[in-house]
C-alpha atoms as a PDB file:
ATOM      1  CA  MET A   1     -51.391  -6.626 -44.682  1.00  0.00           C
ATOM      2  CA  ASN A   2     -48.352  -8.956 -45.466  1.00  0.00           C
ATOM      3  CA  SER A   3     -46.241  -5.615 -45.080  1.00  0.00           C
ATOM      4  CA  ALA A   4     -47.755  -4.825 -41.591  1.00  0.00           C
ATOM      5  CA  SER A   5     -47.483  -8.436 -39.939  1.00  0.00           C
ATOM      6  CA  ARG A   6     -43.438  -8.059 -40.735  1.00  0.00           C
ATOM      7  CA  ASN A   7     -43.157  -5.149 -38.813  1.00  0.00           C
ATOM      8  CA  ARG A   8     -44.983  -6.185 -35.427  1.00  0.00           C
ATOM      9  CA  GLY A   9     -41.932  -7.219 -33.651  1.00  0.00           C
ATOM     10  CA  PHE A  10     -38.269  -8.396 -33.467  1.00  0.00           C
ATOM     11  CA  SER A  11     -37.168 -11.753 -34.983  1.00  0.00           C
ATOM     12  CA  ILE A  12     -35.455 -14.616 -33.097  1.00  0.00           C
ATOM     13  CA  VAL A  13     -32.585 -13.460 -34.756  1.00  0.00           C
ATOM     14  CA  GLU A  14     -32.250  -9.954 -33.794  1.00  0.00           C
ATOM     15  CA  VAL A  15     -33.003 -11.145 -29.995  1.00  0.00           C
ATOM     16  CA  VAL A  16     -30.361 -13.805 -30.273  1.00  0.00           C
ATOM     17  CA  ILE A  17     -27.604 -11.147 -31.465  1.00  0.00           C
ATOM     18  CA  ALA A  18     -29.157  -8.701 -28.776  1.00  0.00           C
ATOM     19  CA  MET A  19     -28.601 -11.594 -25.746  1.00  0.00           C
ATOM     20  CA  THR A  20     -25.114 -12.478 -27.217  1.00  0.00           C
ATOM     21  CA  LEU A  21     -24.194  -8.834 -26.897  1.00  0.00           C
ATOM     22  CA  ILE A  22     -25.750  -8.272 -23.536  1.00  0.00           C
ATOM     23  CA  ILE A  23     -23.604 -11.889 -22.279  1.00  0.00           C
ATOM     24  CA  VAL A  24     -20.389 -10.580 -23.637  1.00  0.00           C
ATOM     25  CA  GLY A  25     -20.780  -6.833 -22.234  1.00  0.00           C
ATOM     26  CA  VAL A  26     -21.557  -8.000 -18.831  1.00  0.00           C
ATOM     27  CA  THR A  27     -18.853 -10.512 -18.581  1.00  0.00           C
ATOM     28  CA  ALA A  28     -16.246  -7.878 -19.522  1.00  0.00           C
ATOM     29  CA  LEU A  29     -18.252  -6.048 -16.529  1.00  0.00           C
ATOM     30  CA  MET A  30     -17.669  -8.563 -14.133  1.00  0.00           C
ATOM     31  CA  ARG A  31     -14.184  -9.134 -14.994  1.00  0.00           C
ATOM     32  CA  GLY A  32     -13.286  -5.517 -14.802  1.00  0.00           C
ATOM     33  CA  MET A  33     -15.129  -5.390 -11.342  1.00  0.00           C
ATOM     34  CA  GLY A  34     -12.694  -8.583 -10.039  1.00  0.00           C
ATOM     35  CA  GLY A  35      -9.371  -6.590 -11.542  1.00  0.00           C
ATOM     36  CA  ILE A  36     -10.611  -3.338  -9.184  1.00  0.00           C
ATOM     37  CA  ASP A  37     -11.240  -5.544  -6.041  1.00  0.00           C
ATOM     38  CA  LYS A  38      -7.851  -6.721  -6.340  1.00  0.00           C
ATOM     39  CA  ALA A  39      -6.577  -3.336  -7.131  1.00  0.00           C
ATOM     40  CA  GLU A  40      -8.427  -2.107  -3.987  1.00  0.00           C
ATOM     41  CA  ALA A  41      -7.102  -4.901  -1.581  1.00  0.00           C
ATOM     42  CA  ALA A  42      -3.425  -4.042  -2.699  1.00  0.00           C
ATOM     43  CA  LEU A  43      -3.972  -0.255  -2.039  1.00  0.00           C
ATOM     44  CA  VAL A  44      -5.476  -1.301   1.505  1.00  0.00           C
ATOM     45  CA  GLU A  45      -2.673  -3.405   2.443  1.00  0.00           C
ATOM     46  CA  LYS A  46      -0.147  -0.529   1.191  1.00  0.00           C
ATOM     47  CA  ASP A  47      -1.562   1.582   3.304  1.00  0.00           C
ATOM     48  CA  ILE A  48      -1.745  -0.486   6.399  1.00  0.00           C
ATOM     49  CA  VAL A  49       2.161  -1.092   5.604  1.00  0.00           C
ATOM     50  CA  VAL A  50       2.896   2.421   5.104  1.00  0.00           C
ATOM     51  CA  ARG A  51       1.116   3.509   8.674  1.00  0.00           C
ATOM     52  CA  LEU A  52       2.829   0.778  10.472  1.00  0.00           C
ATOM     53  CA  ALA A  53       6.175   2.071   9.414  1.00  0.00           C
ATOM     54  CA  HIS A  54       5.053   5.724  10.559  1.00  0.00           C
ATOM     55  CA  GLN A  55       3.805   4.503  13.616  1.00  0.00           C
ATOM     56  CA  LYS A  56       7.028   2.372  14.499  1.00  0.00           C
ATOM     57  CA  LEU A  57       9.111   5.501  13.413  1.00  0.00           C
ATOM     58  CA  ASP A  58       7.593   7.864  15.829  1.00  0.00           C
ATOM     59  CA  GLU A  59       7.385   5.326  18.428  1.00  0.00           C
ATOM     60  CA  LEU A  60      10.945   4.708  17.972  1.00  0.00           C
ATOM     61  CA  ILE A  61      12.039   8.438  18.280  1.00  0.00           C
ATOM     62  CA  ALA A  62       9.739   9.129  21.133  1.00  0.00           C
ATOM     63  CA  ASN A  63      11.581   6.476  23.385  1.00  0.00           C
ATOM     64  CA  GLU A  64      14.881   6.953  21.599  1.00  0.00           C
ATOM     65  CA  ALA A  65      14.992   3.395  21.363  1.00  0.00           C
ATOM     66  CA  TYR A  66      16.480   4.359  17.722  1.00  0.00           C
ATOM     67  CA  LYS A  67      19.909   4.269  19.273  1.00  0.00           C
ATOM     68  CA  THR A  68      19.599   0.717  20.304  1.00  0.00           C
ATOM     69  CA  GLU A  69      17.003  -1.165  18.110  1.00  0.00           C
ATOM     70  CA  THR A  70      17.381  -2.108  14.465  1.00  0.00           C
ATOM     71  CA  GLN A  71      14.927  -4.405  13.725  1.00  0.00           C
ATOM     72  CA  GLY A  72      12.043  -6.559  15.050  1.00  0.00           C
ATOM     73  CA  ASN A  73       8.384  -7.761  14.649  1.00  0.00           C
ATOM     74  CA  PHE A  74       4.609  -6.288  15.402  1.00  0.00           C
ATOM     75  CA  ASP A  75       2.425  -7.669  17.600  1.00  0.00           C
ATOM     76  CA  ALA A  76      -0.759  -9.345  16.732  1.00  0.00           C
ATOM     77  CA  PRO A  77      -3.121  -8.423  14.508  1.00  0.00           C
ATOM     78  CA  TYR A  78       0.206  -6.817  12.232  1.00  0.00           C
ATOM     79  CA  ASP A  79       2.323  -9.991  13.400  1.00  0.00           C
ATOM     80  CA  LYS A  80       2.972 -11.136   9.660  1.00  0.00           C
ATOM     81  CA  TYR A  81       4.897  -7.674   9.386  1.00  0.00           C
ATOM     82  CA  SER A  82       8.484  -7.189  10.184  1.00  0.00           C
ATOM     83  CA  TRP A  83      10.492  -3.800  10.113  1.00  0.00           C
ATOM     84  CA  THR A  84      14.289  -2.604   9.960  1.00  0.00           C
ATOM     85  CA  LEU A  85      15.773   0.402  11.163  1.00  0.00           C
ATOM     86  CA  GLU A  86      18.829   1.977   8.843  1.00  0.00           C
ATOM     87  CA  ASN A  87      20.967   5.095   9.997  1.00  0.00           C
ATOM     88  CA  THR A  88      21.432   7.419   6.676  1.00  0.00           C
ATOM     89  CA  THR A  89      23.808  10.475   6.111  1.00  0.00           C
ATOM     90  CA  SER A  90      22.096  13.769   4.951  1.00  0.00           C
ATOM     91  CA  GLY A  91      25.480  15.288   4.315  1.00  0.00           C
ATOM     92  CA  VAL A  92      24.664  17.988   6.943  1.00  0.00           C
ATOM     93  CA  ASP A  93      26.797  18.198   9.936  1.00  0.00           C
ATOM     94  CA  ASN A  94      24.743  16.891  12.865  1.00  0.00           C
ATOM     95  CA  LEU A  95      21.754  16.178  10.854  1.00  0.00           C
ATOM     96  CA  SER A  96      21.413  12.202  10.093  1.00  0.00           C
ATOM     97  CA  GLY A  97      18.520  10.160   8.794  1.00  0.00           C
ATOM     98  CA  LEU A  98      16.557   7.356  10.259  1.00  0.00           C
ATOM     99  CA  ARG A  99      14.715   5.157   7.504  1.00  0.00           C
ATOM    100  CA  LEU A 100      11.979   2.532   8.469  1.00  0.00           C
ATOM    101  CA  THR A 101      11.232  -0.223   6.392  1.00  0.00           C
ATOM    102  CA  VAL A 102       8.183  -2.464   6.987  1.00  0.00           C
ATOM    103  CA  THR A 103       7.989  -5.900   5.401  1.00  0.00           C
ATOM    104  CA  ASP A 104       5.004  -8.213   4.779  1.00  0.00           C
ATOM    105  CA  THR A 105       7.006 -11.402   5.570  1.00  0.00           C
ATOM    106  CA  SER A 106       3.662 -13.578   4.667  1.00  0.00           C
ATOM    107  CA  SER A 107       3.387 -12.474   0.831  1.00  0.00           C
ATOM    108  CA  ALA A 108       5.207 -13.654  -1.836  1.00  0.00           C
ATOM    109  CA  ASP A 109       5.757 -10.145  -3.360  1.00  0.00           C
ATOM    110  CA  ALA A 110       6.953  -8.713   0.250  1.00  0.00           C
ATOM    111  CA  ARG A 111       5.020  -5.700  -0.137  1.00  0.00           C
ATOM    112  CA  LYS A 112       7.280  -2.733   1.598  1.00  0.00           C
ATOM    113  CA  GLY A 113       6.244   0.472   3.253  1.00  0.00           C
ATOM    114  CA  VAL A 114       8.867   3.322   3.988  1.00  0.00           C
ATOM    115  CA  ALA A 115       8.940   5.778   6.360  1.00  0.00           C
ATOM    116  CA  GLU A 116      11.677   8.703   6.575  1.00  0.00           C
ATOM    117  CA  THR A 117      12.944  11.591   9.042  1.00  0.00           C
ATOM    118  CA  LEU A 118      15.716  13.636  10.020  1.00  0.00           C
ATOM    119  CA  LYS A 119      17.222  13.920  13.319  1.00  0.00           C
ATOM    120  CA  TYR A 120      19.270  16.428  14.804  1.00  0.00           C
ATOM    121  CA  THR A 121      22.214  15.752  17.092  1.00  0.00           C
ATOM    122  CA  PRO A 122      23.626  18.775  18.926  1.00  0.00           C
ATOM    123  CA  PRO A 123      27.343  19.666  18.496  1.00  0.00           C
ATOM    124  CA  THR A 124      29.277  18.396  21.718  1.00  0.00           C
ATOM    125  CA  SER A 125      30.872  21.532  23.229  1.00  0.00           C
ATOM    126  CA  THR A 126      34.658  21.544  24.098  1.00  0.00           C
ATOM    127  CA  GLU A 127      34.506  24.781  26.194  1.00  0.00           C
ATOM    128  CA  ALA A 128      33.808  24.607  29.617  1.00  0.00           C
ATOM    129  CA  THR A 129      30.651  26.691  31.049  1.00  0.00           C
ATOM    130  CA  GLN A 130      31.151  29.164  33.493  1.00  0.00           C
END
């Protein structure tokens, strides 16, 4: 009868060890979830910056404002972002590049997004048309 009473349940030491392991596991899981949240927020921010860069570049090309404008700021709700436009060379005649960079001016790490495209400039004809 003595051996039957020993096999009826868990000892207090076993319960304490199991609870300690569970607490350590849950704590590690919560820290991991916090890291995932930070990574997701950074990814969303990067996506916004890149989308703004592409939209602004498309706007500048459609309005041919790339010929005169080289920098600016966005309107609300994106007023914490600024943009700069740079002309680049492609190494091919009549083909040049445009690079628009959007920067988060409120962030200490200054997140950036870049959009690039090529633009063709037709050659000027020296012959008179008949």
